[in-house]
Every structure is written in C-alpha cells, then in structure tokens.
C-alpha cells in the first residue's frame, strides 16, 4: 500500500452545492517527488467569496480551469502509475478533504480508488504521544514547506511531517 497525502481547496463547505477549486497530492516516500496538482472548473453556480479567496483564485479564473471529469481521470491514472498496492488517503483535515475527493471520484469517474476510509495526520500524532491535546503540535514541529493554501505545498508540508513522525517510530510505509 502507498500513502497519498491530499489537500483540497474549495469555494464552499460541501460538495455538489459548492465546487472544489483545486487539490494536490504527494506520495509518501523519502524523495517526495511524486506530486499531482489539479485545478477544476466549478460544478455549481454557488460560491462563497471568502472561501474561494483562500485558494487565491478569482471566480473568473476558477471558471477557466479544466473540466472535473478530465482532472479526476488524470488523477486516477496518476495514482495507478505512482502507487504500489492500494492507495491510502491521508490528510491534515480528513473530514473535509476526503469528502471532496470521494464525491468527485464517484460522480465523474464512477469509483473512488481510495475506497471508503483514510487517516488523519493529527490523530496519528496524538496516538503516538498518547495525548489528544497535541492536535496541532506536529504542524509546528515538523512541517518544512510553508503552509500557504497551495494544495501541493500544503500536502508536501504534511508529508514532511509524516516522515519526521516515522523517524520517531511511526510504522508507516514510505
């Protein structure tokens, strides 16, 4: 199995009513060179300006992005080419990021290569430290790449943190 760190930016809180703007993915391996970036045209006429602003894009730019089906098919092909065994979805905010990827895969491709589960980095760290109060500590201690809401950079920083956690004893393939 391969762990794929994913980060999503959207223009609202839920899929279908709002749209995914862009997402990034990084394969967890020592080199951290296998990366994917997708920018997706809106699927809805609704958006929340403040939510879209987080991504750094305007609505006009967002409307010029690629068709969702093409991007999700490219992502599925990238996963097949870069993953050993089953891909395992992992992110900083699993409840948010997974819902978008799951919806877009099912709607535009017909299946989600990640299946129906994933892992949250903060929970792994809290489990290692045996303290649920340390939910943000891993971000402050281990990320090297600046968190700037570009989803590839954010996924890369999360992957860097996971590699540091592996050095601490986390049993995770990389």
N, C-alpha and C. Protein backbone atom coordinates (compact mmCIF):
# COMPACT_ATOMS: atom_id res chain seq x y z
N UNK A 1 0.82 -1.18 0.00
CA UNK A 1 0.00 0.00 0.00
C UNK A 1 0.87 1.24 0.00
N UNK A 2 0.34 2.32 -0.51
CA UNK A 2 1.04 3.61 -0.56
C UNK A 2 0.16 4.68 0.08
N UNK A 3 0.79 5.51 0.89
CA UNK A 3 0.07 6.63 1.49
C UNK A 3 0.17 7.84 0.57
N UNK A 4 -1.00 8.43 0.30
CA UNK A 4 -1.08 9.60 -0.56
C UNK A 4 -1.62 10.75 0.29
N UNK A 5 -0.79 11.79 0.46
CA UNK A 5 -1.20 12.94 1.24
C UNK A 5 -1.94 13.88 0.30
N UNK A 6 -3.15 14.28 0.68
CA UNK A 6 -4.02 15.08 -0.18
C UNK A 6 -4.45 16.34 0.56
N UNK A 7 -4.53 17.44 -0.19
CA UNK A 7 -5.07 18.69 0.34
C UNK A 7 -6.00 19.28 -0.71
N UNK A 8 -7.14 19.82 -0.26
CA UNK A 8 -8.18 20.35 -1.14
C UNK A 8 -8.48 21.80 -0.79
N UNK A 9 -8.71 22.61 -1.81
CA UNK A 9 -9.25 23.96 -1.64
C UNK A 9 -10.60 23.99 -2.35
N UNK A 10 -11.58 24.65 -1.76
CA UNK A 10 -12.92 24.70 -2.35
C UNK A 10 -13.51 26.10 -2.21
N UNK A 11 -14.67 26.28 -2.83
CA UNK A 11 -15.32 27.58 -2.73
C UNK A 11 -16.54 27.55 -1.81
N UNK A 12 -16.62 26.53 -0.98
CA UNK A 12 -17.71 26.39 -0.02
C UNK A 12 -17.50 25.17 0.85
N UNK A 13 -18.45 24.87 1.75
CA UNK A 13 -18.24 23.81 2.74
C UNK A 13 -18.58 22.39 2.30
N UNK A 14 -19.39 22.21 1.24
CA UNK A 14 -19.82 20.85 0.88
C UNK A 14 -19.81 20.65 -0.63
N UNK A 15 -19.50 19.41 -1.05
CA UNK A 15 -19.54 19.10 -2.48
C UNK A 15 -20.95 19.18 -3.05
N UNK A 16 -21.02 19.38 -4.33
CA UNK A 16 -22.24 19.46 -5.14
C UNK A 16 -22.89 20.83 -5.04
N UNK A 17 -23.17 21.28 -3.84
CA UNK A 17 -23.74 22.63 -3.69
C UNK A 17 -22.69 23.68 -4.03
N UNK A 18 -21.44 23.37 -3.70
CA UNK A 18 -20.29 24.22 -4.00
C UNK A 18 -19.29 23.41 -4.82
N UNK A 19 -18.15 23.97 -5.11
CA UNK A 19 -17.19 23.32 -6.01
C UNK A 19 -15.80 23.21 -5.41
N UNK A 20 -15.12 22.15 -5.79
CA UNK A 20 -13.70 22.04 -5.49
C UNK A 20 -12.99 22.99 -6.45
N UNK A 21 -12.02 23.71 -5.95
CA UNK A 21 -11.26 24.65 -6.78
C UNK A 21 -10.01 23.96 -7.30
N UNK A 22 -9.25 23.38 -6.38
CA UNK A 22 -8.01 22.70 -6.75
C UNK A 22 -7.63 21.74 -5.63
N UNK A 23 -6.75 20.81 -5.98
CA UNK A 23 -6.25 19.88 -4.97
C UNK A 23 -4.85 19.45 -5.34
N UNK A 24 -4.13 18.99 -4.33
CA UNK A 24 -2.78 18.49 -4.53
C UNK A 24 -2.62 17.17 -3.82
N UNK A 25 -1.70 16.36 -4.34
CA UNK A 25 -1.42 15.06 -3.73
C UNK A 25 0.08 14.78 -3.83
N UNK A 26 0.60 14.11 -2.81
CA UNK A 26 2.00 13.74 -2.76
C UNK A 26 2.08 12.30 -2.26
N UNK A 27 2.89 11.49 -2.95
CA UNK A 27 3.12 10.11 -2.50
C UNK A 27 4.12 10.17 -1.34
N UNK A 28 3.80 9.49 -0.25
CA UNK A 28 4.70 9.46 0.90
C UNK A 28 5.85 8.52 0.60
N UNK A 29 6.98 9.11 0.29
CA UNK A 29 8.23 8.39 0.08
C UNK A 29 9.35 9.37 0.41
N UNK A 30 10.53 8.87 0.62
CA UNK A 30 11.63 9.70 1.09
C UNK A 30 11.89 10.91 0.20
N UNK A 31 11.83 10.75 -1.12
CA UNK A 31 12.16 11.85 -2.02
C UNK A 31 11.05 12.90 -2.14
N UNK A 32 9.82 12.52 -1.88
CA UNK A 32 8.65 13.41 -2.00
C UNK A 32 8.60 14.11 -3.37
N UNK A 33 8.93 13.37 -4.42
CA UNK A 33 8.95 13.95 -5.76
C UNK A 33 7.71 13.62 -6.59
N UNK A 34 6.92 12.67 -6.16
CA UNK A 34 5.72 12.29 -6.92
C UNK A 34 4.55 13.14 -6.45
N UNK A 35 4.18 14.12 -7.30
CA UNK A 35 3.16 15.09 -6.91
C UNK A 35 2.11 15.22 -8.02
N UNK A 36 0.91 15.57 -7.61
CA UNK A 36 -0.19 15.82 -8.57
C UNK A 36 -0.87 17.12 -8.18
N UNK A 37 -1.24 17.90 -9.20
CA UNK A 37 -1.98 19.14 -8.96
C UNK A 37 -3.12 19.22 -9.96
N UNK A 38 -4.32 19.45 -9.46
CA UNK A 38 -5.48 19.59 -10.33
C UNK A 38 -6.24 20.86 -10.02
N UNK A 39 -6.61 21.57 -11.07
CA UNK A 39 -7.48 22.75 -10.95
C UNK A 39 -8.78 22.40 -11.67
N UNK A 40 -9.92 22.58 -11.00
CA UNK A 40 -11.19 22.08 -11.50
C UNK A 40 -12.21 23.20 -11.68
N UNK A 41 -12.83 23.21 -12.85
CA UNK A 41 -13.90 24.16 -13.18
C UNK A 41 -15.07 23.94 -12.22
N UNK A 42 -15.79 25.00 -11.86
CA UNK A 42 -16.92 24.85 -10.94
C UNK A 42 -18.01 23.91 -11.47
N UNK A 43 -18.65 23.23 -10.53
CA UNK A 43 -19.79 22.36 -10.86
C UNK A 43 -21.10 23.00 -10.40
N UNK A 44 -21.01 24.17 -9.79
CA UNK A 44 -22.18 24.83 -9.23
C UNK A 44 -22.08 26.33 -9.48
N UNK A 45 -23.21 26.96 -9.56
CA UNK A 45 -23.25 28.41 -9.70
C UNK A 45 -23.08 29.13 -8.37
N UNK A 46 -23.07 28.37 -7.28
CA UNK A 46 -22.92 28.97 -5.94
C UNK A 46 -21.46 28.96 -5.53
N UNK A 47 -21.05 29.99 -4.80
CA UNK A 47 -19.75 30.00 -4.15
C UNK A 47 -19.77 31.05 -3.07
N UNK A 48 -18.90 30.86 -2.11
CA UNK A 48 -18.75 31.81 -1.00
C UNK A 48 -17.45 32.56 -1.26
N UNK A 49 -17.53 33.86 -1.51
CA UNK A 49 -16.33 34.62 -1.88
C UNK A 49 -15.16 34.43 -0.91
N UNK A 50 -15.44 34.41 0.40
CA UNK A 50 -14.37 34.25 1.38
C UNK A 50 -13.71 32.87 1.27
N UNK A 51 -14.50 31.85 0.98
CA UNK A 51 -13.95 30.50 0.83
C UNK A 51 -13.09 30.42 -0.43
N UNK A 52 -13.57 30.98 -1.52
CA UNK A 52 -12.80 30.97 -2.76
C UNK A 52 -11.51 31.76 -2.60
N UNK A 53 -11.56 32.85 -1.87
CA UNK A 53 -10.38 33.71 -1.68
C UNK A 53 -9.22 32.96 -1.02
N UNK A 54 -9.51 31.97 -0.21
CA UNK A 54 -8.45 31.20 0.45
C UNK A 54 -7.53 30.56 -0.59
N UNK A 55 -8.10 30.14 -1.71
CA UNK A 55 -7.31 29.48 -2.75
C UNK A 55 -6.44 30.46 -3.53
N UNK A 56 -6.76 31.76 -3.45
CA UNK A 56 -6.01 32.75 -4.19
C UNK A 56 -6.50 32.98 -5.61
N UNK A 57 -7.61 32.34 -5.98
CA UNK A 57 -8.15 32.50 -7.32
C UNK A 57 -9.43 33.33 -7.30
N UNK A 58 -9.70 33.98 -8.41
CA UNK A 58 -10.97 34.68 -8.58
C UNK A 58 -11.97 33.71 -9.19
N UNK A 59 -13.23 34.08 -9.15
CA UNK A 59 -14.26 33.25 -9.78
C UNK A 59 -14.00 33.14 -11.29
N UNK A 60 -13.56 34.21 -11.91
CA UNK A 60 -13.28 34.17 -13.34
C UNK A 60 -12.15 33.20 -13.66
N UNK A 61 -11.11 33.17 -12.84
CA UNK A 61 -10.03 32.20 -13.04
C UNK A 61 -10.56 30.78 -12.84
N UNK A 62 -11.33 30.60 -11.77
CA UNK A 62 -11.87 29.28 -11.46
C UNK A 62 -12.70 28.73 -12.62
N UNK A 63 -13.47 29.58 -13.25
CA UNK A 63 -14.31 29.16 -14.38
C UNK A 63 -13.50 28.73 -15.60
N UNK A 64 -12.22 29.07 -15.65
CA UNK A 64 -11.36 28.70 -16.78
C UNK A 64 -10.59 27.41 -16.55
N UNK A 65 -10.73 26.82 -15.38
CA UNK A 65 -10.00 25.59 -15.08
C UNK A 65 -10.54 24.43 -15.91
N UNK A 66 -9.90 23.27 -15.79
CA UNK A 66 -10.26 22.09 -16.56
C UNK A 66 -11.59 21.49 -16.10
N UNK A 67 -12.19 20.73 -16.99
CA UNK A 67 -13.43 20.02 -16.66
C UNK A 67 -13.14 18.99 -15.56
N UNK A 68 -14.04 18.84 -14.60
CA UNK A 68 -13.82 17.92 -13.48
C UNK A 68 -13.56 16.47 -13.92
N UNK A 69 -14.29 16.00 -14.89
CA UNK A 69 -14.10 14.61 -15.33
C UNK A 69 -12.67 14.37 -15.82
N UNK A 70 -12.15 15.30 -16.61
CA UNK A 70 -10.78 15.14 -17.13
C UNK A 70 -9.75 15.14 -16.00
N UNK A 71 -9.92 16.05 -15.04
CA UNK A 71 -8.96 16.14 -13.93
C UNK A 71 -9.01 14.88 -13.07
N UNK A 72 -10.22 14.41 -12.76
CA UNK A 72 -10.33 13.24 -11.89
C UNK A 72 -9.82 11.98 -12.59
N UNK A 73 -10.05 11.88 -13.90
CA UNK A 73 -9.49 10.74 -14.65
C UNK A 73 -7.97 10.80 -14.68
N UNK A 74 -7.41 12.00 -14.83
CA UNK A 74 -5.95 12.16 -14.78
C UNK A 74 -5.40 11.78 -13.41
N UNK A 75 -6.12 12.18 -12.36
CA UNK A 75 -5.68 11.83 -11.01
C UNK A 75 -5.72 10.32 -10.81
N UNK A 76 -6.77 9.66 -11.27
CA UNK A 76 -6.87 8.20 -11.16
C UNK A 76 -5.71 7.53 -11.91
N UNK A 77 -5.37 8.03 -13.09
CA UNK A 77 -4.24 7.49 -13.87
C UNK A 77 -2.93 7.72 -13.14
N UNK A 78 -2.77 8.91 -12.56
CA UNK A 78 -1.56 9.22 -11.80
C UNK A 78 -1.42 8.27 -10.61
N UNK A 79 -2.53 8.01 -9.92
CA UNK A 79 -2.49 7.07 -8.80
C UNK A 79 -2.04 5.69 -9.27
N UNK A 80 -2.64 5.20 -10.37
CA UNK A 80 -2.25 3.88 -10.89
C UNK A 80 -0.76 3.82 -11.23
N UNK A 81 -0.22 4.91 -11.77
CA UNK A 81 1.18 4.94 -12.17
C UNK A 81 2.15 5.11 -11.01
N UNK A 82 1.69 5.68 -9.89
CA UNK A 82 2.61 6.04 -8.81
C UNK A 82 2.39 5.32 -7.50
N UNK A 83 1.42 4.44 -7.45
CA UNK A 83 1.08 3.78 -6.19
C UNK A 83 1.44 2.30 -6.26
N UNK A 84 2.02 1.83 -5.16
CA UNK A 84 2.26 0.39 -5.01
C UNK A 84 1.12 -0.16 -4.17
N UNK A 85 0.35 -1.07 -4.74
CA UNK A 85 -0.78 -1.62 -4.00
C UNK A 85 -1.92 -0.63 -3.91
N UNK A 86 -2.63 -0.68 -2.82
CA UNK A 86 -3.81 0.17 -2.63
C UNK A 86 -3.41 1.54 -2.12
N UNK A 87 -3.96 2.63 -2.70
CA UNK A 87 -3.65 3.96 -2.16
C UNK A 87 -4.42 4.21 -0.87
N UNK A 88 -3.73 4.75 0.10
CA UNK A 88 -4.34 5.12 1.38
C UNK A 88 -4.39 6.64 1.45
N UNK A 89 -5.59 7.18 1.61
CA UNK A 89 -5.81 8.64 1.68
C UNK A 89 -5.41 9.12 3.06
N UNK A 90 -4.59 10.15 3.10
CA UNK A 90 -4.20 10.73 4.39
C UNK A 90 -4.14 12.25 4.23
N UNK A 91 -4.63 12.97 5.24
CA UNK A 91 -4.61 14.43 5.15
C UNK A 91 -4.62 15.05 6.54
N UNK A 92 -4.43 16.36 6.54
CA UNK A 92 -4.49 17.14 7.77
C UNK A 92 -5.93 17.18 8.26
N UNK A 93 -6.86 17.47 7.36
CA UNK A 93 -8.27 17.57 7.74
C UNK A 93 -9.06 16.54 6.94
N UNK A 94 -9.01 15.32 7.40
CA UNK A 94 -9.61 14.19 6.68
C UNK A 94 -11.09 14.40 6.39
N UNK A 95 -11.84 14.89 7.36
CA UNK A 95 -13.29 15.04 7.18
C UNK A 95 -13.60 16.00 6.04
N UNK A 96 -12.79 17.01 5.84
CA UNK A 96 -13.02 17.98 4.77
C UNK A 96 -12.48 17.46 3.44
N UNK A 97 -11.19 17.16 3.40
CA UNK A 97 -10.54 16.81 2.14
C UNK A 97 -11.12 15.56 1.50
N UNK A 98 -11.37 14.51 2.28
CA UNK A 98 -11.86 13.25 1.73
C UNK A 98 -13.24 13.40 1.10
N UNK A 99 -14.12 14.19 1.72
CA UNK A 99 -15.47 14.31 1.17
C UNK A 99 -15.44 14.84 -0.26
N UNK A 100 -14.55 15.78 -0.55
CA UNK A 100 -14.46 16.35 -1.89
C UNK A 100 -13.91 15.34 -2.89
N UNK A 101 -12.82 14.70 -2.54
CA UNK A 101 -12.21 13.73 -3.46
C UNK A 101 -13.15 12.55 -3.68
N UNK A 102 -13.77 12.07 -2.62
CA UNK A 102 -14.71 10.96 -2.74
C UNK A 102 -15.87 11.32 -3.67
N UNK A 103 -16.48 12.48 -3.44
CA UNK A 103 -17.61 12.90 -4.27
C UNK A 103 -17.19 13.03 -5.74
N UNK A 104 -16.11 13.73 -6.00
CA UNK A 104 -15.69 13.97 -7.39
C UNK A 104 -15.30 12.66 -8.08
N UNK A 105 -14.62 11.76 -7.37
CA UNK A 105 -14.29 10.47 -7.98
C UNK A 105 -15.56 9.69 -8.32
N UNK A 106 -16.46 9.59 -7.38
CA UNK A 106 -17.68 8.81 -7.65
C UNK A 106 -18.52 9.45 -8.74
N UNK A 107 -18.68 10.74 -8.70
CA UNK A 107 -19.54 11.42 -9.67
C UNK A 107 -18.95 11.42 -11.08
N UNK A 108 -17.64 11.65 -11.19
CA UNK A 108 -17.04 11.83 -12.51
C UNK A 108 -16.28 10.61 -13.04
N UNK A 109 -15.91 9.69 -12.16
CA UNK A 109 -15.17 8.51 -12.61
C UNK A 109 -15.94 7.22 -12.34
N UNK A 110 -16.84 7.23 -11.37
CA UNK A 110 -17.64 6.05 -11.06
C UNK A 110 -17.14 5.24 -9.88
N UNK A 111 -15.96 5.57 -9.38
CA UNK A 111 -15.42 4.88 -8.21
C UNK A 111 -14.31 5.72 -7.59
N UNK A 112 -14.06 5.46 -6.32
CA UNK A 112 -13.00 6.15 -5.60
C UNK A 112 -11.87 5.15 -5.35
N UNK A 113 -10.70 5.34 -5.99
CA UNK A 113 -9.58 4.41 -5.79
C UNK A 113 -9.13 4.29 -4.34
N UNK A 114 -9.45 5.29 -3.51
CA UNK A 114 -9.07 5.25 -2.10
C UNK A 114 -10.03 4.41 -1.26
N UNK A 115 -11.16 4.02 -1.82
CA UNK A 115 -12.14 3.29 -1.04
C UNK A 115 -12.90 4.23 -0.12
N UNK A 116 -13.27 3.73 1.03
CA UNK A 116 -14.14 4.49 1.93
C UNK A 116 -13.50 4.85 3.26
N UNK A 117 -12.18 4.95 3.28
CA UNK A 117 -11.54 5.32 4.54
C UNK A 117 -10.27 6.10 4.28
N UNK A 118 -9.72 6.65 5.34
CA UNK A 118 -8.49 7.41 5.27
C UNK A 118 -7.93 7.61 6.66
N UNK A 119 -6.86 8.35 6.73
CA UNK A 119 -6.20 8.62 8.01
C UNK A 119 -6.02 10.12 8.17
N UNK A 120 -6.08 10.57 9.41
CA UNK A 120 -5.86 11.97 9.74
C UNK A 120 -4.52 12.09 10.47
N UNK A 121 -3.66 12.96 9.97
CA UNK A 121 -2.30 13.08 10.49
C UNK A 121 -2.30 13.45 11.97
N UNK A 122 -3.13 14.39 12.36
CA UNK A 122 -3.18 14.81 13.76
C UNK A 122 -3.53 13.67 14.70
N UNK A 123 -4.43 12.79 14.27
CA UNK A 123 -4.79 11.65 15.11
C UNK A 123 -3.63 10.68 15.26
N UNK A 124 -2.87 10.48 14.17
CA UNK A 124 -1.69 9.61 14.26
C UNK A 124 -0.70 10.17 15.28
N UNK A 125 -0.45 11.47 15.20
CA UNK A 125 0.49 12.10 16.12
C UNK A 125 -0.01 12.02 17.57
N UNK A 126 -1.27 12.34 17.78
CA UNK A 126 -1.83 12.28 19.14
C UNK A 126 -1.73 10.87 19.70
N UNK A 127 -1.96 9.87 18.86
CA UNK A 127 -1.83 8.49 19.30
C UNK A 127 -0.40 8.15 19.67
N UNK A 128 0.55 8.63 18.87
CA UNK A 128 1.96 8.37 19.18
C UNK A 128 2.35 8.99 20.52
N UNK A 129 1.84 10.18 20.79
CA UNK A 129 2.19 10.90 22.00
C UNK A 129 1.26 10.57 23.17
N UNK A 130 0.21 9.78 22.90
CA UNK A 130 -0.76 9.38 23.92
C UNK A 130 -1.41 10.60 24.58
N UNK A 131 -1.70 11.63 23.76
CA UNK A 131 -2.27 12.86 24.29
C UNK A 131 -3.10 13.52 23.19
N UNK A 132 -4.42 13.51 23.33
CA UNK A 132 -5.28 14.09 22.31
C UNK A 132 -5.22 15.62 22.28
N UNK A 133 -4.57 16.22 23.23
CA UNK A 133 -4.45 17.67 23.27
C UNK A 133 -3.34 18.23 22.39
N UNK A 134 -2.59 17.34 21.75
CA UNK A 134 -1.45 17.79 20.94
C UNK A 134 -1.79 17.84 19.46
N UNK A 135 -3.02 18.12 19.16
CA UNK A 135 -3.53 18.06 17.79
C UNK A 135 -2.77 18.93 16.80
N UNK A 136 -2.23 20.06 17.21
CA UNK A 136 -1.54 20.98 16.28
C UNK A 136 -0.02 20.93 16.41
N UNK A 137 0.47 20.28 17.43
CA UNK A 137 1.91 20.29 17.68
C UNK A 137 2.73 19.77 16.50
N UNK A 138 2.27 18.73 15.84
CA UNK A 138 3.02 18.15 14.72
C UNK A 138 3.22 19.18 13.61
N UNK A 139 2.23 20.04 13.39
CA UNK A 139 2.33 21.06 12.33
C UNK A 139 3.46 22.04 12.64
N UNK A 140 3.52 22.45 13.88
CA UNK A 140 4.52 23.44 14.28
C UNK A 140 5.92 22.85 14.33
N UNK A 141 6.03 21.58 14.67
CA UNK A 141 7.34 20.95 14.85
C UNK A 141 7.95 20.41 13.57
N UNK A 142 7.12 19.89 12.67
CA UNK A 142 7.69 19.05 11.61
C UNK A 142 7.52 19.56 10.18
N UNK A 143 6.61 20.45 9.93
CA UNK A 143 6.46 20.94 8.55
C UNK A 143 7.66 21.82 8.19
N UNK A 144 8.19 21.59 7.01
CA UNK A 144 9.27 22.44 6.49
C UNK A 144 8.72 23.38 5.43
N UNK A 145 7.90 22.87 4.54
CA UNK A 145 7.30 23.69 3.49
C UNK A 145 6.21 24.56 4.10
N UNK A 146 6.25 25.84 3.77
CA UNK A 146 5.30 26.80 4.33
C UNK A 146 3.86 26.46 3.93
N UNK A 147 2.96 26.53 4.88
CA UNK A 147 1.53 26.31 4.63
C UNK A 147 0.96 27.59 4.03
N UNK A 148 0.67 27.55 2.70
CA UNK A 148 0.23 28.77 2.01
C UNK A 148 -1.08 28.59 1.25
N UNK A 149 -1.76 27.50 1.48
CA UNK A 149 -3.03 27.16 0.83
C UNK A 149 -2.88 26.81 -0.65
N UNK A 150 -1.66 26.65 -1.13
CA UNK A 150 -1.49 25.98 -2.42
C UNK A 150 -1.49 24.49 -2.05
N UNK A 151 -2.43 23.72 -2.58
CA UNK A 151 -2.61 22.36 -2.07
C UNK A 151 -1.41 21.44 -2.23
N UNK A 152 -0.57 21.64 -3.23
CA UNK A 152 0.63 20.79 -3.34
C UNK A 152 1.61 21.15 -2.22
N UNK A 153 1.79 22.43 -1.96
CA UNK A 153 2.69 22.84 -0.88
C UNK A 153 2.18 22.34 0.47
N UNK A 154 0.87 22.46 0.68
CA UNK A 154 0.31 22.01 1.96
C UNK A 154 0.43 20.50 2.12
N UNK A 155 0.19 19.75 1.04
CA UNK A 155 0.35 18.29 1.10
C UNK A 155 1.82 17.93 1.31
N UNK A 156 2.72 18.66 0.67
CA UNK A 156 4.15 18.41 0.83
C UNK A 156 4.59 18.65 2.28
N UNK A 157 4.14 19.74 2.88
CA UNK A 157 4.46 20.01 4.28
C UNK A 157 3.94 18.92 5.20
N UNK A 158 2.75 18.41 4.90
CA UNK A 158 2.18 17.33 5.70
C UNK A 158 2.98 16.03 5.51
N UNK A 159 3.45 15.80 4.28
CA UNK A 159 4.28 14.61 4.02
C UNK A 159 5.61 14.71 4.78
N UNK A 160 6.18 15.90 4.79
CA UNK A 160 7.42 16.11 5.55
C UNK A 160 7.21 15.78 7.02
N UNK A 161 6.09 16.22 7.56
CA UNK A 161 5.77 15.93 8.96
C UNK A 161 5.64 14.42 9.19
N UNK A 162 4.97 13.73 8.28
CA UNK A 162 4.83 12.28 8.42
C UNK A 162 6.18 11.57 8.40
N UNK A 163 7.10 12.02 7.55
CA UNK A 163 8.43 11.41 7.52
C UNK A 163 9.17 11.65 8.84
N UNK A 164 8.98 12.81 9.44
CA UNK A 164 9.58 13.06 10.76
C UNK A 164 8.94 12.17 11.83
N UNK A 165 7.63 11.96 11.73
CA UNK A 165 6.95 11.08 12.66
C UNK A 165 7.43 9.65 12.50
N UNK A 166 7.76 9.27 11.28
CA UNK A 166 8.31 7.92 11.04
C UNK A 166 9.65 7.77 11.77
N UNK A 167 10.46 8.81 11.74
CA UNK A 167 11.74 8.78 12.46
C UNK A 167 11.53 8.60 13.97
N UNK A 168 10.38 9.08 14.46
CA UNK A 168 10.04 8.96 15.87
C UNK A 168 9.48 7.57 16.22
N UNK A 169 9.23 6.75 15.19
CA UNK A 169 8.75 5.41 15.46
C UNK A 169 7.41 5.05 14.82
N UNK A 170 6.77 5.98 14.13
CA UNK A 170 5.52 5.66 13.45
C UNK A 170 5.79 4.63 12.37
N UNK A 171 5.07 3.54 12.43
CA UNK A 171 5.24 2.48 11.44
C UNK A 171 4.32 2.81 10.27
N UNK A 172 4.92 3.37 9.21
CA UNK A 172 4.18 3.79 8.03
C UNK A 172 5.11 3.57 6.83
N UNK A 173 4.60 2.92 5.79
CA UNK A 173 5.46 2.71 4.62
C UNK A 173 5.80 4.01 3.91
N UNK A 174 7.02 4.13 3.46
CA UNK A 174 7.42 5.30 2.67
C UNK A 174 8.51 4.90 1.69
